[in-house]
C-alpha atoms as a PDB file:
ATOM      1  CA  UNK A   1      89.711 105.210  87.682  1.00  0.00           C
ATOM      2  CA  UNK A   2      88.607 106.241  84.763  1.00  0.00           C
ATOM      3  CA  UNK A   3      91.969 106.423  82.670  1.00  0.00           C
ATOM      4  CA  UNK A   4      91.307 109.442  80.158  1.00  0.00           C
ATOM      5  CA  UNK A   5      89.867 107.858  77.001  1.00  0.00           C
ATOM      6  CA  UNK A   6      86.282 106.602  76.655  1.00  0.00           C
ATOM      7  CA  UNK A   7      85.121 103.135  75.767  1.00  0.00           C
ATOM      8  CA  UNK A   8      82.770 103.746  73.914  1.00  0.00           C
ATOM      9  CA  UNK A   9      83.811 101.262  70.981  1.00  0.00           C
ATOM     10  CA  UNK A  10      84.688  98.693  73.759  1.00  0.00           C
ATOM     11  CA  UNK A  11      80.862  98.967  75.402  1.00  0.00           C
ATOM     12  CA  UNK A  12      79.405  98.698  72.283  1.00  0.00           C
ATOM     13  CA  UNK A  13      82.161  95.339  71.343  1.00  0.00           C
ATOM     14  CA  UNK A  14      80.051  94.666  75.154  1.00  0.00           C
ATOM     15  CA  UNK A  15      76.826  94.837  73.338  1.00  0.00           C
ATOM     16  CA  UNK A  16      77.995  93.412  69.733  1.00  0.00           C
ATOM     17  CA  UNK A  17      75.902  90.064  70.970  1.00  0.00           C
ATOM     18  CA  UNK A  18      73.722  91.712  73.209  1.00  0.00           C
ATOM     19  CA  UNK A  19      72.188  94.928  71.900  1.00  0.00           C
ATOM     20  CA  UNK A  20      72.875  95.158  68.092  1.00  0.00           C
ATOM     21  CA  UNK A  21      69.234  94.209  65.646  1.00  0.00           C
ATOM     22  CA  UNK A  22      67.912  92.800  68.677  1.00  0.00           C
ATOM     23  CA  UNK A  23      64.319  91.724  66.728  1.00  0.00           C
ATOM     24  CA  UNK A  24      66.528  89.961  63.727  1.00  0.00           C
ATOM     25  CA  UNK A  25      68.797  87.824  65.486  1.00  0.00           C
ATOM     26  CA  UNK A  26      71.905  89.204  63.843  1.00  0.00           C
ATOM     27  CA  UNK A  27      74.896  91.248  64.928  1.00  0.00           C
ATOM     28  CA  UNK A  28      75.103  94.625  63.598  1.00  0.00           C
ATOM     29  CA  UNK A  29      77.548  97.322  64.931  1.00  0.00           C
ATOM     30  CA  UNK A  30      77.996 100.530  63.162  1.00  0.00           C
ATOM     31  CA  UNK A  31      81.504 101.907  62.507  1.00  0.00           C
ATOM     32  CA  UNK A  32      82.243 104.380  65.182  1.00  0.00           C
ATOM     33  CA  UNK A  33      85.834 105.871  65.145  1.00  0.00           C
ATOM     34  CA  UNK A  34      88.671 105.554  67.953  1.00  0.00           C
ATOM     35  CA  UNK A  35      88.144 107.945  70.495  1.00  0.00           C
ATOM     36  CA  UNK A  36      90.829 110.876  70.337  1.00  0.00           C
ATOM     37  CA  UNK A  37      91.759 110.928  74.210  1.00  0.00           C
ATOM     38  CA  UNK A  38      91.084 113.883  76.179  1.00  0.00           C
ATOM     39  CA  UNK A  39      93.647 114.944  78.855  1.00  0.00           C
ATOM     40  CA  UNK A  40      95.076 111.493  80.200  1.00  0.00           C
ATOM     41  CA  UNK A  41      96.556 110.478  83.353  1.00  0.00           C
ATOM     42  CA  UNK A  42      99.954 112.578  83.702  1.00  0.00           C
ATOM     43  CA  UNK A  43     103.120 109.984  84.265  1.00  0.00           C
ATOM     44  CA  UNK A  44     105.755 112.653  83.800  1.00  0.00           C
ATOM     45  CA  UNK A  45     105.728 116.722  83.772  1.00  0.00           C
ATOM     46  CA  UNK A  46     107.267 119.770  81.808  1.00  0.00           C
ATOM     47  CA  UNK A  47     107.472 121.458  78.717  1.00  0.00           C
ATOM     48  CA  UNK A  48     107.836 118.910  76.427  1.00  0.00           C
ATOM     49  CA  UNK A  49     105.558 116.488  77.687  1.00  0.00           C
ATOM     50  CA  UNK A  50     102.491 118.899  77.695  1.00  0.00           C
ATOM     51  CA  UNK A  51     103.825 120.076  74.130  1.00  0.00           C
ATOM     52  CA  UNK A  52     103.186 116.127  73.061  1.00  0.00           C
ATOM     53  CA  UNK A  53     100.316 115.763  74.351  1.00  0.00           C
ATOM     54  CA  UNK A  54      98.285 119.185  73.047  1.00  0.00           C
ATOM     55  CA  UNK A  55      99.658 118.001  69.623  1.00  0.00           C
ATOM     56  CA  UNK A  56      97.348 114.311  69.857  1.00  0.00           C
ATOM     57  CA  UNK A  57      94.156 116.222  69.013  1.00  0.00           C
ATOM     58  CA  UNK A  58      95.610 118.844  66.686  1.00  0.00           C
ATOM     59  CA  UNK A  59      98.258 117.180  64.387  1.00  0.00           C
ATOM     60  CA  UNK A  60      98.581 113.461  65.356  1.00  0.00           C
ATOM     61  CA  UNK A  61     101.381 113.007  62.454  1.00  0.00           C
ATOM     62  CA  UNK A  62     103.183 115.458  64.384  1.00  0.00           C
ATOM     63  CA  UNK A  63     102.998 114.073  67.561  1.00  0.00           C
ATOM     64  CA  UNK A  64     104.002 110.873  66.782  1.00  0.00           C
ATOM     65  CA  UNK A  65     106.874 112.132  64.606  1.00  0.00           C
ATOM     66  CA  UNK A  66     107.936 114.253  67.712  1.00  0.00           C
ATOM     67  CA  UNK A  67     107.384 111.525  70.597  1.00  0.00           C
ATOM     68  CA  UNK A  68     109.402 109.335  68.474  1.00  0.00           C
ATOM     69  CA  UNK A  69     112.087 111.661  67.859  1.00  0.00           C
ATOM     70  CA  UNK A  70     111.554 112.723  71.738  1.00  0.00           C
ATOM     71  CA  UNK A  71     111.775 109.194  72.723  1.00  0.00           C
ATOM     72  CA  UNK A  72     114.804 108.245  71.053  1.00  0.00           C
ATOM     73  CA  UNK A  73     116.782 111.297  72.199  1.00  0.00           C
ATOM     74  CA  UNK A  74     116.028 109.808  76.220  1.00  0.00           C
ATOM     75  CA  UNK A  75     112.419 111.576  76.844  1.00  0.00           C
ATOM     76  CA  UNK A  76     111.683 108.648  79.402  1.00  0.00           C
ATOM     77  CA  UNK A  77     108.591 107.787  80.426  1.00  0.00           C
ATOM     78  CA  UNK A  78     106.445 110.832  79.154  1.00  0.00           C
ATOM     79  CA  UNK A  79     107.759 110.477  75.679  1.00  0.00           C
ATOM     80  CA  UNK A  80     106.641 106.956  75.574  1.00  0.00           C
ATOM     81  CA  UNK A  81     103.024 107.920  76.924  1.00  0.00           C
ATOM     82  CA  UNK A  82     102.698 110.535  74.490  1.00  0.00           C
ATOM     83  CA  UNK A  83     103.741 108.806  71.505  1.00  0.00           C
ATOM     84  CA  UNK A  84     101.329 105.441  72.530  1.00  0.00           C
ATOM     85  CA  UNK A  85      98.376 107.596  72.997  1.00  0.00           C
ATOM     86  CA  UNK A  86      99.297 109.205  69.381  1.00  0.00           C
ATOM     87  CA  UNK A  87      99.339 106.066  67.667  1.00  0.00           C
ATOM     88  CA  UNK A  88      95.820 105.498  69.138  1.00  0.00           C
ATOM     89  CA  UNK A  89      94.777 108.931  67.653  1.00  0.00           C
ATOM     90  CA  UNK A  90      95.827 107.321  64.222  1.00  0.00           C
ATOM     91  CA  UNK A  91      93.657 104.612  64.923  1.00  0.00           C
ATOM     92  CA  UNK A  92      96.420 102.180  65.962  1.00  0.00           C
ATOM     93  CA  UNK A  93      95.249 100.798  68.334  1.00  0.00           C
ATOM     94  CA  UNK A  94      97.080  97.838  68.992  1.00  0.00           C
ATOM     95  CA  UNK A  95     100.237  99.849  68.484  1.00  0.00           C
ATOM     96  CA  UNK A  96      98.792 101.952  71.180  1.00  0.00           C
ATOM     97  CA  UNK A  97      98.478  99.231  73.538  1.00  0.00           C
ATOM     98  CA  UNK A  98     101.848  97.263  72.971  1.00  0.00           C
ATOM     99  CA  UNK A  99     103.240 100.945  74.149  1.00  0.00           C
ATOM    100  CA  UNK A 100     101.239 101.146  76.750  1.00  0.00           C
ATOM    101  CA  UNK A 101     101.702  98.131  78.530  1.00  0.00           C
ATOM    102  CA  UNK A 102     105.671  97.751  77.954  1.00  0.00           C
ATOM    103  CA  UNK A 103     105.628 101.633  79.894  1.00  0.00           C
ATOM    104  CA  UNK A 104     103.098 100.081  82.686  1.00  0.00           C
ATOM    105  CA  UNK A 105     105.621  97.095  83.118  1.00  0.00           C
ATOM    106  CA  UNK A 106     109.119  99.207  83.220  1.00  0.00           C
ATOM    107  CA  UNK A 107     107.986 102.859  84.813  1.00  0.00           C
ATOM    108  CA  UNK A 108     109.189 103.804  87.682  1.00  0.00           C
ATOM    109  CA  UNK A 109     106.143 105.408  88.505  1.00  0.00           C
ATOM    110  CA  UNK A 110     104.158 105.191  91.527  1.00  0.00           C
ATOM    111  CA  UNK A 111     101.518 102.146  91.785  1.00  0.00           C
ATOM    112  CA  UNK A 112      98.716 104.174  90.962  1.00  0.00           C
ATOM    113  CA  UNK A 113     100.031 105.884  87.686  1.00  0.00           C
ATOM    114  CA  UNK A 114     101.066 102.144  86.575  1.00  0.00           C
ATOM    115  CA  UNK A 115      97.959 100.929  87.606  1.00  0.00           C
ATOM    116  CA  UNK A 116      96.321 103.889  84.761  1.00  0.00           C
ATOM    117  CA  UNK A 117      98.713 102.885  82.601  1.00  0.00           C
ATOM    118  CA  UNK A 118      97.375  99.188  82.329  1.00  0.00           C
ATOM    119  CA  UNK A 119      94.019 100.315  82.403  1.00  0.00           C
ATOM    120  CA  UNK A 120      94.482 102.516  79.237  1.00  0.00           C
ATOM    121  CA  UNK A 121      95.891  99.152  77.773  1.00  0.00           C
ATOM    122  CA  UNK A 122      93.368  97.575  78.422  1.00  0.00           C
ATOM    123  CA  UNK A 123      91.013 100.173  76.825  1.00  0.00           C
ATOM    124  CA  UNK A 124      93.003 100.242  73.911  1.00  0.00           C
ATOM    125  CA  UNK A 125      93.254  96.350  73.221  1.00  0.00           C
ATOM    126  CA  UNK A 126      89.645  96.179  73.592  1.00  0.00           C
ATOM    127  CA  UNK A 127      89.339  99.210  70.612  1.00  0.00           C
ATOM    128  CA  UNK A 128      91.964  96.788  68.933  1.00  0.00           C
ATOM    129  CA  UNK A 129      89.666  94.034  69.226  1.00  0.00           C
ATOM    130  CA  UNK A 130      91.821  91.754  71.904  1.00  0.00           C
ATOM    131  CA  UNK A 131      89.553  91.147  74.437  1.00  0.00           C
ATOM    132  CA  UNK A 132      91.819  88.519  75.771  1.00  0.00           C
ATOM    133  CA  UNK A 133      95.083  90.870  75.743  1.00  0.00           C
ATOM    134  CA  UNK A 134      92.543  93.821  77.227  1.00  0.00           C
ATOM    135  CA  UNK A 135      91.744  91.417  79.659  1.00  0.00           C
ATOM    136  CA  UNK A 136      95.387  90.606  80.445  1.00  0.00           C
ATOM    137  CA  UNK A 137      96.454  94.426  81.217  1.00  0.00           C
ATOM    138  CA  UNK A 138      93.041  94.767  83.361  1.00  0.00           C
ATOM    139  CA  UNK A 139      94.236  92.128  85.676  1.00  0.00           C
ATOM    140  CA  UNK A 140      97.671  93.433  85.809  1.00  0.00           C
ATOM    141  CA  UNK A 141      96.303  96.501  86.802  1.00  0.00           C
ATOM    142  CA  UNK A 142      93.436  95.366  89.110  1.00  0.00           C
ATOM    143  CA  UNK A 143      96.738  93.655  91.215  1.00  0.00           C
ATOM    144  CA  UNK A 144      97.796  96.789  91.683  1.00  0.00           C
ATOM    145  CA  UNK A 145      94.271  98.574  92.265  1.00  0.00           C
ATOM    146  CA  UNK A 146      92.071  95.158  93.630  1.00  0.00           C
ATOM    147  CA  UNK A 147      88.759  97.288  94.280  1.00  0.00           C
ATOM    148  CA  UNK A 148      88.828  99.890  91.610  1.00  0.00           C
ATOM    149  CA  UNK A 149      85.626  99.872  90.103  1.00  0.00           C
ATOM    150  CA  UNK A 150      86.525 101.367  86.635  1.00  0.00           C
ATOM    151  CA  UNK A 151      88.970  98.405  86.321  1.00  0.00           C
ATOM    152  CA  UNK A 152      86.571  95.756  87.169  1.00  0.00           C
ATOM    153  CA  UNK A 153      84.009  97.515  84.338  1.00  0.00           C
ATOM    154  CA  UNK A 154      86.407  97.559  81.671  1.00  0.00           C
ATOM    155  CA  UNK A 155      87.741  93.817  82.530  1.00  0.00           C
ATOM    156  CA  UNK A 156      84.300  92.792  82.586  1.00  0.00           C
ATOM    157  CA  UNK A 157      83.642  94.742  78.724  1.00  0.00           C
ATOM    158  CA  UNK A 158      86.858  92.357  78.075  1.00  0.00           C
ATOM    159  CA  UNK A 159      85.347  89.718  78.971  1.00  0.00           C
ATOM    160  CA  UNK A 160      82.045  90.028  77.422  1.00  0.00           C
ATOM    161  CA  UNK A 161      83.634  90.661  74.473  1.00  0.00           C
ATOM    162  CA  UNK A 162      85.235  87.434  74.449  1.00  0.00           C
ATOM    163  CA  UNK A 163      82.147  85.503  75.148  1.00  0.00           C
ATOM    164  CA  UNK A 164      82.723  85.127  78.375  1.00  0.00           C
ATOM    165  CA  UNK A 165      79.777  86.212  80.032  1.00  0.00           C
ATOM    166  CA  UNK A 166      80.155  84.222  83.461  1.00  0.00           C
ATOM    167  CA  UNK A 167      83.453  86.179  83.891  1.00  0.00           C
ATOM    168  CA  UNK A 168      82.043  89.156  83.241  1.00  0.00           C
ATOM    169  CA  UNK A 169      79.456  88.478  85.713  1.00  0.00           C
ATOM    170  CA  UNK A 170      81.980  88.185  88.443  1.00  0.00           C
ATOM    171  CA  UNK A 171      83.735  91.485  88.185  1.00  0.00           C
ATOM    172  CA  UNK A 172      80.190  92.850  87.367  1.00  0.00           C
ATOM    173  CA  UNK A 173      78.472  91.310  90.484  1.00  0.00           C
ATOM    174  CA  UNK A 174      81.837  92.939  92.506  1.00  0.00           C
ATOM    175  CA  UNK A 175      81.242  96.072  91.319  1.00  0.00           C
ATOM    176  CA  UNK A 176      77.770  96.293  92.602  1.00  0.00           C
ATOM    177  CA  UNK A 177      78.761  95.430  95.498  1.00  0.00           C
ATOM    178  CA  UNK A 178      80.945  98.525  95.966  1.00  0.00           C
ATOM    179  CA  UNK A 179      78.863 100.270  94.175  1.00  0.00           C
ATOM    180  CA  UNK A 180      74.732  99.592  94.012  1.00  0.00           C
ATOM    181  CA  UNK A 181      74.092 102.794  91.698  1.00  0.00           C
ATOM    182  CA  UNK A 182      76.471 101.859  88.868  1.00  0.00           C
ATOM    183  CA  UNK A 183      73.884 102.334  86.133  1.00  0.00           C
ATOM    184  CA  UNK A 184      76.670 100.775  83.946  1.00  0.00           C
ATOM    185  CA  UNK A 185      77.361  98.033  85.851  1.00  0.00           C
ATOM    186  CA  UNK A 186      73.900  97.160  86.204  1.00  0.00           C
ATOM    187  CA  UNK A 187      72.828  97.697  82.527  1.00  0.00           C
ATOM    188  CA  UNK A 188      76.074  95.413  81.380  1.00  0.00           C
ATOM    189  CA  UNK A 189      75.041  92.490  83.666  1.00  0.00           C
ATOM    190  CA  UNK A 190      71.711  92.870  82.541  1.00  0.00           C
ATOM    191  CA  UNK A 191      73.033  92.206  78.906  1.00  0.00           C
ATOM    192  CA  UNK A 192      75.096  89.447  80.270  1.00  0.00           C
ATOM    193  CA  UNK A 193      72.793  87.853  81.918  1.00  0.00           C
ATOM    194  CA  UNK A 194      70.355  87.920  78.791  1.00  0.00           C
ATOM    195  CA  UNK A 195      73.083  86.397  76.732  1.00  0.00           C
ATOM    196  CA  UNK A 196      73.502  83.233  78.783  1.00  0.00           C
ATOM    197  CA  UNK A 197      69.881  83.016  78.759  1.00  0.00           C
ATOM    198  CA  UNK A 198      68.969  84.258  82.672  1.00  0.00           C
ATOM    199  CA  UNK A 199      66.087  86.491  81.486  1.00  0.00           C
ATOM    200  CA  UNK A 200      64.802  87.083  84.831  1.00  0.00           C
ATOM    201  CA  UNK A 201      67.772  88.173  86.152  1.00  0.00           C
ATOM    202  CA  UNK A 202      68.660  90.324  83.506  1.00  0.00           C
ATOM    203  CA  UNK A 203      65.037  92.193  84.160  1.00  0.00           C
ATOM    204  CA  UNK A 204      65.834  92.412  87.659  1.00  0.00           C
ATOM    205  CA  UNK A 205      68.924  94.065  86.738  1.00  0.00           C
ATOM    206  CA  UNK A 206      67.722  96.407  83.980  1.00  0.00           C
ATOM    207  CA  UNK A 207      64.491  97.296  86.196  1.00  0.00           C
ATOM    208  CA  UNK A 208      67.162  98.555  88.950  1.00  0.00           C
ATOM    209  CA  UNK A 209      69.444 100.360  86.082  1.00  0.00           C
ATOM    210  CA  UNK A 210      65.910 102.591  84.856  1.00  0.00           C
ATOM    211  CA  UNK A 211      65.112 103.290  88.337  1.00  0.00           C
ATOM    212  CA  UNK A 212      68.402 105.040  88.959  1.00  0.00           C
ATOM    213  CA  UNK A 213      68.391 106.469  85.502  1.00  0.00           C
ATOM    214  CA  UNK A 214      65.418 106.395  84.059  1.00  0.00           C
ATOM    215  CA  UNK A 215      66.433 108.249  80.566  1.00  0.00           C
ATOM    216  CA  UNK A 216      70.193 106.678  80.520  1.00  0.00           C
ATOM    217  CA  UNK A 217      70.377 105.681  76.868  1.00  0.00           C
ATOM    218  CA  UNK A 218      71.875 102.087  77.468  1.00  0.00           C
ATOM    219  CA  UNK A 219      69.540 101.308  80.126  1.00  0.00           C
ATOM    220  CA  UNK A 220      66.676 101.656  77.648  1.00  0.00           C
ATOM    221  CA  UNK A 221      68.182  99.981  74.904  1.00  0.00           C
ATOM    222  CA  UNK A 222      68.657  96.536  77.011  1.00  0.00           C
ATOM    223  CA  UNK A 223      65.264  96.991  78.749  1.00  0.00           C
ATOM    224  CA  UNK A 224      63.601  97.294  74.794  1.00  0.00           C
ATOM    225  CA  UNK A 225      65.383  94.458  74.024  1.00  0.00           C
ATOM    226  CA  UNK A 226      64.248  92.147  76.904  1.00  0.00           C
ATOM    227  CA  UNK A 227      60.885  93.547  76.433  1.00  0.00           C
ATOM    228  CA  UNK A 228      61.047  92.440  72.712  1.00  0.00           C
ATOM    229  CA  UNK A 229      62.263  88.821  73.475  1.00  0.00           C
ATOM    230  CA  UNK A 230      59.195  88.728  75.830  1.00  0.00           C
ATOM    231  CA  UNK A 231      56.588  89.518  73.081  1.00  0.00           C
ATOM    232  CA  UNK A 232      55.805  93.137  74.270  1.00  0.00           C
ATOM    233  CA  UNK A 233      56.709  95.029  71.078  1.00  0.00           C
ATOM    234  CA  UNK A 234      54.943  98.021  72.305  1.00  0.00           C
ATOM    235  CA  UNK A 235      57.130  98.531  75.630  1.00  0.00           C
ATOM    236  CA  UNK A 236      60.109  98.023  73.071  1.00  0.00           C
ATOM    237  CA  UNK A 237      59.009 100.122  70.556  1.00  0.00           C
ATOM    238  CA  UNK A 238      58.783 102.600  73.413  1.00  0.00           C
ATOM    239  CA  UNK A 239      61.851 102.408  75.225  1.00  0.00           C
ATOM    240  CA  UNK A 240      63.678 102.426  71.907  1.00  0.00           C
ATOM    241  CA  UNK A 241      61.945 105.784  70.844  1.00  0.00           C
ATOM    242  CA  UNK A 242      62.394 107.600  74.109  1.00  0.00           C
ATOM    243  CA  UNK A 243      65.859 106.531  73.726  1.00  0.00           C
ATOM    244  CA  UNK A 244      66.281 108.358  70.716  1.00  0.00           C
ATOM    245  CA  UNK A 245      64.737 111.605  71.816  1.00  0.00           C
ATOM    246  CA  UNK A 246      66.999 111.735  74.709  1.00  0.00           C
ATOM    247  CA  UNK A 247      70.378 110.742  72.695  1.00  0.00           C
ATOM    248  CA  UNK A 248      69.486 111.225  69.072  1.00  0.00           C
ATOM    249  CA  UNK A 249      73.443 110.649  67.778  1.00  0.00           C
ATOM    250  CA  UNK A 250      76.011 107.772  68.600  1.00  0.00           C
ATOM    251  CA  UNK A 251      76.087 104.152  67.954  1.00  0.00           C
ATOM    252  CA  UNK A 252      73.323 103.143  71.176  1.00  0.00           C
ATOM    253  CA  UNK A 253      71.242 105.288  68.690  1.00  0.00           C
ATOM    254  CA  UNK A 254      72.162 103.675  66.289  1.00  0.00           C
ATOM    255  CA  UNK A 255      71.344 100.256  67.529  1.00  0.00           C
ATOM    256  CA  UNK A 256      68.031 101.377  68.807  1.00  0.00           C
ATOM    257  CA  UNK A 257      67.086 102.801  64.642  1.00  0.00           C
ATOM    258  CA  UNK A 258      68.329  99.322  63.635  1.00  0.00           C
ATOM    259  CA  UNK A 259      65.771  97.654  65.821  1.00  0.00           C
ATOM    260  CA  UNK A 260      62.989 100.372  65.472  1.00  0.00           C
ATOM    261  CA  UNK A 261      62.883  99.577  61.764  1.00  0.00           C
ATOM    262  CA  UNK A 262      63.439  95.592  62.441  1.00  0.00           C
ATOM    263  CA  UNK A 263      60.437  95.815  64.385  1.00  0.00           C
ATOM    264  CA  UNK A 264      58.415  97.276  62.056  1.00  0.00           C
ATOM    265  CA  UNK A 265      59.177  95.572  59.006  1.00  0.00           C
ATOM    266  CA  UNK A 266      57.229  92.801  60.889  1.00  0.00           C
ATOM    267  CA  UNK A 267      57.557  88.886  61.656  1.00  0.00           C
ATOM    268  CA  UNK A 268      58.073  88.149  58.181  1.00  0.00           C
ATOM    269  CA  UNK A 269      61.505  89.977  57.444  1.00  0.00           C
ATOM    270  CA  UNK A 270      63.051  88.630  60.621  1.00  0.00           C
END
């Protein structure tokens, strides 16, 4: 169940202690705007709902105003959902998360739709920097849909963002049991293993991830960090350079550039 907007910033939070500035031992996370939600899972129907959702990507202030007025006049679930997503698009992730969680609690929608709302609340809480609240929303979603792989990944991100790496590993173990080909889960678990100093386990996971997807940017970033930790500076440089060739833009590329710059600066700058 991927719930409509990406958790790029949340994934960056997972790596905040794992990927950023690996050669210096410091945590450096590049600024990233909140992602605008594309077409989300629909929990209502009708022209007002479609009009409100369409406004989110073109005029967020007007979307907030329209959704607020519509909700006040009995717009129901559709109005509340659009209002929460409009707040997210405005950068008000905490407000959005509260609205999504409240809607998930009160909506009369079927279980899958309510799980999707909790999942969106999870992602919004992560974007708001509230990993404990994100974990709670993800857990409520998993009560409804216990074997949903995307929900398990999201909850692992929440755990890791709060420094609970072994808890994250538990969820990632379940994901990989359900789908051994999930490259993102293997990369996240490798990062978590490294953060608890289980480097052999981390190396095993990242080898599996790269074998499945040799050009995966996150896998290349993590393998480079592991190689640097083991003193293989040439291997680390090769991975980060390859990463920039396949994905020159975005947060993962920013991390790679930072790490390459620190690597080139030499040990006296670490």
